[in-house]
N, C-alpha and C. Protein backbone atom coordinates (compact mmCIF):
# COMPACT_ATOMS: atom_id res chain seq x y z
N UNK A 1 -2.53 -9.45 -12.47
CA UNK A 1 -1.05 -10.13 -12.59
C UNK A 1 -0.09 -9.33 -11.52
N UNK A 2 0.69 -10.32 -10.71
CA UNK A 2 1.51 -9.53 -9.85
C UNK A 2 2.74 -8.86 -10.48
N UNK A 3 3.03 -7.78 -9.49
CA UNK A 3 4.47 -7.07 -10.05
C UNK A 3 5.40 -7.03 -8.95
N UNK A 4 6.52 -6.60 -9.37
CA UNK A 4 7.67 -6.56 -8.32
C UNK A 4 7.90 -5.00 -8.30
N UNK A 5 8.03 -4.45 -6.92
CA UNK A 5 8.20 -3.23 -6.45
C UNK A 5 9.58 -3.05 -6.25
N UNK A 6 10.35 -2.32 -7.02
CA UNK A 6 11.71 -1.91 -6.77
C UNK A 6 11.88 -1.07 -5.68
N UNK A 7 13.27 -1.02 -4.99
CA UNK A 7 13.38 -0.03 -4.03
C UNK A 7 13.01 1.48 -4.14
N UNK A 8 12.96 1.95 -5.23
CA UNK A 8 12.68 3.19 -5.46
C UNK A 8 11.11 3.46 -5.52
N UNK A 9 10.26 2.42 -5.64
CA UNK A 9 8.90 2.23 -5.59
C UNK A 9 8.49 1.94 -7.05
N UNK A 10 9.25 1.88 -8.18
CA UNK A 10 8.66 1.75 -9.34
C UNK A 10 8.05 0.16 -9.44
N UNK A 11 7.33 -0.15 -10.32
CA UNK A 11 6.71 -1.43 -10.28
C UNK A 11 7.35 -1.97 -11.83
N UNK A 12 7.62 -3.17 -11.80
CA UNK A 12 8.16 -3.92 -13.12
C UNK A 12 7.48 -5.27 -13.14
N UNK A 13 7.31 -6.29 -14.28
CA UNK A 13 7.06 -7.47 -14.19
C UNK A 13 7.94 -8.37 -13.54
N UNK A 14 7.51 -9.50 -13.09
CA UNK A 14 8.34 -10.57 -12.51
C UNK A 14 9.41 -10.78 -13.62
N UNK A 15 9.03 -11.05 -14.69
CA UNK A 15 10.32 -11.36 -15.84
C UNK A 15 11.13 -10.38 -15.92
N UNK A 16 10.71 -8.82 -15.78
CA UNK A 16 11.56 -7.87 -15.88
C UNK A 16 12.83 -7.91 -14.82
N UNK A 17 12.07 -8.12 -13.43
CA UNK A 17 12.86 -8.25 -12.36
C UNK A 17 14.00 -9.28 -12.45
N UNK A 18 13.28 -10.33 -12.96
CA UNK A 18 14.34 -11.53 -12.99
C UNK A 18 15.57 -11.65 -13.70
N UNK A 19 15.20 -10.89 -14.94
CA UNK A 19 16.34 -10.62 -15.82
C UNK A 19 17.31 -9.45 -15.45
N UNK A 20 16.60 -8.43 -14.60
CA UNK A 20 17.44 -7.33 -14.24
C UNK A 20 18.34 -7.69 -13.17
N UNK A 21 17.93 -8.56 -12.25
CA UNK A 21 18.74 -9.11 -10.94
C UNK A 21 19.37 -10.40 -11.23
N UNK A 22 18.94 -11.23 -12.15
CA UNK A 22 19.61 -12.53 -12.41
C UNK A 22 19.54 -13.28 -11.08
N UNK A 23 20.76 -13.83 -10.58
CA UNK A 23 20.85 -14.71 -9.63
C UNK A 23 20.48 -14.11 -8.21
N UNK A 24 20.52 -12.79 -8.32
CA UNK A 24 20.29 -12.18 -6.90
C UNK A 24 18.79 -11.85 -6.70
N UNK A 25 17.81 -12.21 -7.58
CA UNK A 25 16.42 -11.98 -7.61
C UNK A 25 15.73 -12.75 -6.28
N UNK A 26 15.97 -14.02 -6.22
CA UNK A 26 15.52 -14.69 -5.17
C UNK A 26 15.88 -14.15 -3.84
N UNK A 27 17.28 -13.73 -3.70
CA UNK A 27 17.67 -13.16 -2.54
C UNK A 27 17.14 -11.75 -2.04
N UNK A 28 16.94 -11.25 -3.08
CA UNK A 28 16.26 -9.84 -2.96
C UNK A 28 14.78 -9.84 -2.53
N UNK A 29 14.24 -10.87 -3.04
CA UNK A 29 12.69 -11.15 -2.68
C UNK A 29 12.77 -11.73 -1.39
N UNK A 30 13.67 -12.55 -1.02
CA UNK A 30 13.49 -13.05 0.61
C UNK A 30 14.00 -12.05 1.40
N UNK A 31 14.76 -11.12 1.17
CA UNK A 31 15.23 -10.20 2.33
C UNK A 31 14.36 -8.86 2.22
N UNK A 32 13.36 -8.86 1.35
CA UNK A 32 12.55 -7.66 1.26
C UNK A 32 12.95 -6.55 0.42
N UNK A 33 14.22 -6.64 0.04
CA UNK A 33 14.68 -5.51 -0.90
C UNK A 33 13.40 -5.49 -2.38
N UNK A 34 13.03 -6.65 -2.65
CA UNK A 34 12.18 -6.26 -3.91
C UNK A 34 10.79 -7.01 -3.22
N UNK A 35 9.73 -6.40 -3.38
CA UNK A 35 8.54 -6.87 -2.96
C UNK A 35 7.45 -7.27 -4.16
N UNK A 36 6.74 -8.37 -3.76
CA UNK A 36 5.85 -8.77 -4.65
C UNK A 36 4.55 -8.11 -4.44
N UNK A 37 3.88 -7.42 -5.28
CA UNK A 37 2.54 -6.50 -5.13
C UNK A 37 1.50 -7.09 -6.25
N UNK A 38 0.40 -7.50 -5.45
CA UNK A 38 -0.68 -8.08 -6.36
C UNK A 38 -1.57 -6.95 -6.75
N UNK A 39 -2.39 -7.34 -7.76
CA UNK A 39 -3.32 -6.31 -8.15
C UNK A 39 -4.45 -6.05 -7.17
N UNK A 40 -4.75 -6.94 -6.28
CA UNK A 40 -5.62 -6.55 -5.12
C UNK A 40 -5.03 -5.50 -4.15
N UNK A 41 -3.90 -5.76 -3.98
CA UNK A 41 -3.15 -4.70 -3.11
C UNK A 41 -3.15 -3.42 -3.69
N UNK A 42 -3.06 -3.40 -4.87
CA UNK A 42 -3.08 -1.76 -5.60
C UNK A 42 -4.47 -1.37 -5.64
N UNK A 43 -5.47 -2.16 -5.68
CA UNK A 43 -6.78 -1.99 -5.63
C UNK A 43 -7.30 -1.49 -4.31
N UNK A 44 -6.70 -2.13 -3.23
CA UNK A 44 -7.22 -1.77 -1.78
C UNK A 44 -6.70 -0.19 -1.37
N UNK A 45 -5.31 0.00 -1.84
CA UNK A 45 -4.93 1.38 -1.51
C UNK A 45 -5.43 2.50 -2.01
N UNK A 46 -6.15 3.46 -1.59
CA UNK A 46 -6.63 4.59 -2.05
C UNK A 46 -5.57 5.87 -1.84
N UNK A 47 -5.50 6.69 -2.91
CA UNK A 47 -4.71 7.79 -2.83
C UNK A 47 -5.71 9.03 -3.13
N UNK A 48 -5.32 10.18 -2.41
CA UNK A 48 -6.06 11.43 -2.65
C UNK A 48 -5.20 12.38 -3.38
N UNK A 49 -5.69 13.01 -4.71
CA UNK A 49 -4.90 13.85 -5.50
C UNK A 49 -4.99 15.26 -4.86
N UNK A 50 -4.07 16.25 -5.36
CA UNK A 50 -4.19 17.62 -4.85
C UNK A 50 -5.76 18.22 -4.92
N UNK A 51 -6.38 17.69 -6.02
CA UNK A 51 -7.77 18.31 -6.33
C UNK A 51 -8.69 17.55 -5.39
N UNK A 52 -8.49 16.92 -4.40
CA UNK A 52 -9.13 15.99 -3.64
C UNK A 52 -9.98 14.66 -4.04
N UNK A 53 -9.65 14.43 -5.34
CA UNK A 53 -10.30 13.16 -5.91
C UNK A 53 -9.65 11.99 -5.47
N UNK A 54 -10.07 10.95 -5.36
CA UNK A 54 -9.53 9.58 -4.75
C UNK A 54 -9.60 8.48 -6.05
N UNK A 55 -8.44 7.83 -5.88
CA UNK A 55 -8.15 6.97 -6.96
C UNK A 55 -7.43 5.70 -6.29
N UNK A 56 -7.54 4.56 -6.90
CA UNK A 56 -6.84 3.40 -6.39
C UNK A 56 -5.57 3.60 -6.82
N UNK A 57 -4.60 2.85 -6.04
CA UNK A 57 -3.19 2.74 -6.47
C UNK A 57 -2.77 2.34 -7.79
N UNK A 58 -3.72 1.38 -8.42
CA UNK A 58 -3.44 1.16 -9.85
C UNK A 58 -3.82 2.27 -10.74
N UNK A 59 -4.76 2.95 -10.45
CA UNK A 59 -5.11 4.11 -11.49
C UNK A 59 -4.28 5.05 -11.19
N UNK A 60 -3.70 5.37 -10.05
CA UNK A 60 -2.79 6.66 -9.75
C UNK A 60 -1.38 6.14 -10.60
N UNK A 61 -0.97 5.03 -10.38
CA UNK A 61 0.14 4.64 -11.14
C UNK A 61 0.03 4.64 -12.62
N UNK A 62 -1.20 4.41 -13.22
CA UNK A 62 -1.25 4.36 -14.66
C UNK A 62 -1.49 5.78 -15.03
N UNK A 63 -1.85 6.67 -14.28
CA UNK A 63 -1.96 8.11 -14.47
C UNK A 63 -0.64 8.77 -14.59
N UNK A 64 0.07 8.61 -13.56
CA UNK A 64 1.13 9.27 -13.21
C UNK A 64 2.46 8.82 -13.65
N UNK A 65 2.64 7.34 -14.02
CA UNK A 65 3.63 6.58 -14.63
C UNK A 65 4.65 6.75 -13.75
N UNK A 66 5.96 7.18 -13.97
CA UNK A 66 7.18 7.10 -13.16
C UNK A 66 7.09 8.28 -12.22
N UNK A 67 6.28 9.35 -12.31
CA UNK A 67 6.05 10.17 -11.34
C UNK A 67 5.36 9.88 -10.02
N UNK A 68 4.78 8.82 -10.24
CA UNK A 68 3.95 8.24 -8.93
C UNK A 68 4.70 8.26 -7.57
N UNK A 69 5.82 7.66 -7.67
CA UNK A 69 6.66 7.50 -6.35
C UNK A 69 6.87 8.77 -5.75
N UNK A 70 7.48 9.70 -6.77
CA UNK A 70 7.98 10.92 -6.43
C UNK A 70 6.88 11.69 -5.86
N UNK A 71 5.30 11.64 -6.42
CA UNK A 71 4.29 12.27 -5.86
C UNK A 71 4.14 11.86 -4.36
N UNK A 72 4.16 10.76 -4.29
CA UNK A 72 3.89 9.99 -3.13
C UNK A 72 4.95 10.60 -2.02
N UNK A 73 6.20 10.38 -2.45
CA UNK A 73 7.23 11.05 -1.48
C UNK A 73 7.11 12.25 -1.07
N UNK A 74 6.85 13.25 -2.06
CA UNK A 74 6.72 14.67 -1.68
C UNK A 74 5.51 15.20 -1.05
N UNK A 75 4.26 14.34 -1.04
CA UNK A 75 3.17 14.50 -0.58
C UNK A 75 2.09 15.02 -1.54
N UNK A 76 2.49 15.29 -2.81
CA UNK A 76 1.40 15.41 -3.62
C UNK A 76 0.31 14.63 -3.72
N UNK A 77 0.55 13.17 -3.61
CA UNK A 77 -0.27 12.24 -3.44
C UNK A 77 -0.40 11.54 -2.15
N UNK A 78 -1.49 11.70 -1.45
CA UNK A 78 -1.50 11.10 -0.13
C UNK A 78 -2.41 10.03 0.05
N UNK A 79 -1.77 8.90 0.74
CA UNK A 79 -2.58 7.59 0.93
C UNK A 79 -3.65 7.86 1.97
N UNK A 80 -4.73 7.27 1.48
CA UNK A 80 -6.02 7.48 2.46
C UNK A 80 -6.06 6.55 3.64
N UNK A 81 -5.96 6.95 4.76
CA UNK A 81 -5.98 6.13 5.84
C UNK A 81 -7.46 5.79 6.43
N UNK A 82 -8.00 4.78 6.87
CA UNK A 82 -9.22 4.29 7.29
C UNK A 82 -9.31 4.06 8.77
N UNK A 83 -10.27 4.79 9.41
CA UNK A 83 -10.29 4.49 10.77
C UNK A 83 -11.92 4.24 10.99
N UNK A 84 -12.02 3.31 11.85
CA UNK A 84 -13.64 3.05 12.49
C UNK A 84 -13.53 2.61 13.78
N UNK A 85 -14.65 2.64 14.41
CA UNK A 85 -14.89 2.27 15.83
C UNK A 85 -15.49 0.79 15.69
N UNK A 86 -14.88 -0.03 16.50
CA UNK A 86 -15.45 -1.51 16.57
C UNK A 86 -15.75 -1.98 18.11
N UNK A 87 -16.88 -2.83 18.20
CA UNK A 87 -17.12 -3.27 19.25
C UNK A 87 -16.49 -4.88 19.32
N UNK A 88 -15.68 -5.16 20.52
CA UNK A 88 -15.25 -6.45 20.60
C UNK A 88 -14.95 -6.77 22.02
N UNK A 89 -15.58 -7.84 22.42
CA UNK A 89 -15.60 -8.46 23.65
C UNK A 89 -15.95 -7.27 24.84
N UNK A 90 -16.95 -6.80 24.62
CA UNK A 90 -17.22 -5.77 25.74
C UNK A 90 -16.43 -4.43 25.76
N UNK A 91 -15.73 -4.35 24.62
CA UNK A 91 -15.02 -2.98 24.66
C UNK A 91 -15.15 -2.37 23.21
N UNK A 92 -14.83 -1.05 23.21
CA UNK A 92 -14.87 -0.38 21.91
C UNK A 92 -13.55 -0.29 21.71
N UNK A 93 -13.01 -0.19 20.58
CA UNK A 93 -11.75 0.10 19.97
C UNK A 93 -11.72 0.84 18.62
N UNK A 94 -10.64 1.44 18.22
CA UNK A 94 -10.39 2.11 17.29
C UNK A 94 -9.62 1.20 16.07
N UNK A 95 -10.40 0.69 15.12
CA UNK A 95 -9.78 0.07 14.13
C UNK A 95 -9.16 0.82 12.88
N UNK A 96 -8.11 0.67 12.66
CA UNK A 96 -7.23 1.32 11.84
C UNK A 96 -7.05 0.55 10.56
N UNK A 97 -7.18 0.95 9.43
CA UNK A 97 -6.65 0.07 8.24
C UNK A 97 -6.19 0.90 7.18
N UNK A 98 -5.13 0.42 6.91
CA UNK A 98 -3.95 1.17 5.86
C UNK A 98 -3.65 0.16 4.67
N UNK A 99 -4.36 -0.03 3.77
CA UNK A 99 -4.30 -0.91 2.58
C UNK A 99 -4.50 -2.30 3.01
N UNK A 100 -3.72 -3.09 2.94
CA UNK A 100 -3.91 -4.56 3.45
C UNK A 100 -3.65 -4.86 4.80
N UNK A 101 -3.13 -3.93 5.50
CA UNK A 101 -2.87 -3.87 7.26
C UNK A 101 -4.05 -3.24 7.96
N UNK A 102 -4.17 -4.06 9.04
CA UNK A 102 -5.13 -3.29 9.82
C UNK A 102 -4.94 -3.47 11.56
N UNK A 103 -5.18 -2.73 12.20
CA UNK A 103 -4.78 -2.78 13.66
C UNK A 103 -6.16 -2.43 14.50
N UNK A 104 -6.18 -3.04 15.61
CA UNK A 104 -7.23 -2.71 16.45
C UNK A 104 -6.60 -2.21 17.91
N UNK A 105 -6.87 -1.05 18.11
CA UNK A 105 -6.04 -0.46 19.40
C UNK A 105 -7.00 0.47 19.94
N UNK A 106 -6.54 0.88 21.43
CA UNK A 106 -7.37 1.98 22.07
C UNK A 106 -8.58 1.58 22.53
N UNK A 107 -8.81 0.43 23.32
CA UNK A 107 -9.97 -0.25 23.98
C UNK A 107 -10.43 0.54 24.78
N UNK A 108 -11.75 0.67 24.86
CA UNK A 108 -12.51 1.50 25.78
C UNK A 108 -13.79 0.76 26.44
N UNK A 109 -13.75 0.51 27.81
CA UNK A 109 -14.78 -0.11 28.37
C UNK A 109 -16.19 0.56 28.37
N UNK A 110 -17.27 -0.16 28.15
CA UNK A 110 -18.40 0.73 28.32
C UNK A 110 -18.91 0.54 29.52
N UNK A 111 -19.14 1.88 30.24
CA UNK A 111 -19.71 1.76 31.55
C UNK A 111 -21.42 1.93 31.44
N UNK A 112 -21.84 1.56 32.54
CA UNK A 112 -23.37 1.80 32.78
C UNK A 112 -23.67 2.94 33.59
């Protein structure tokens, strides 16, 4: 079930956000003040706790509740970044994945 991410990083249901912001709800969605976050997005984001254990964003939010965003902001929880090397059209590149976003950069030509 999709949730709405408020500017402070907390999540509420769509119904809660609609009742909280009334007529401004759609304006805030359109301008990016409020973001729709799906369960898939929360499952793709991995966080590392201070003891080194890894958990999905959903697991971390369930565990830390209202403290989740402050732990992310102060670095207590760190978002895991994923790097890999890819072969593309005769070149190697560094593929960077962060949650649902990914980039391919740093092409290197293979020489013989």
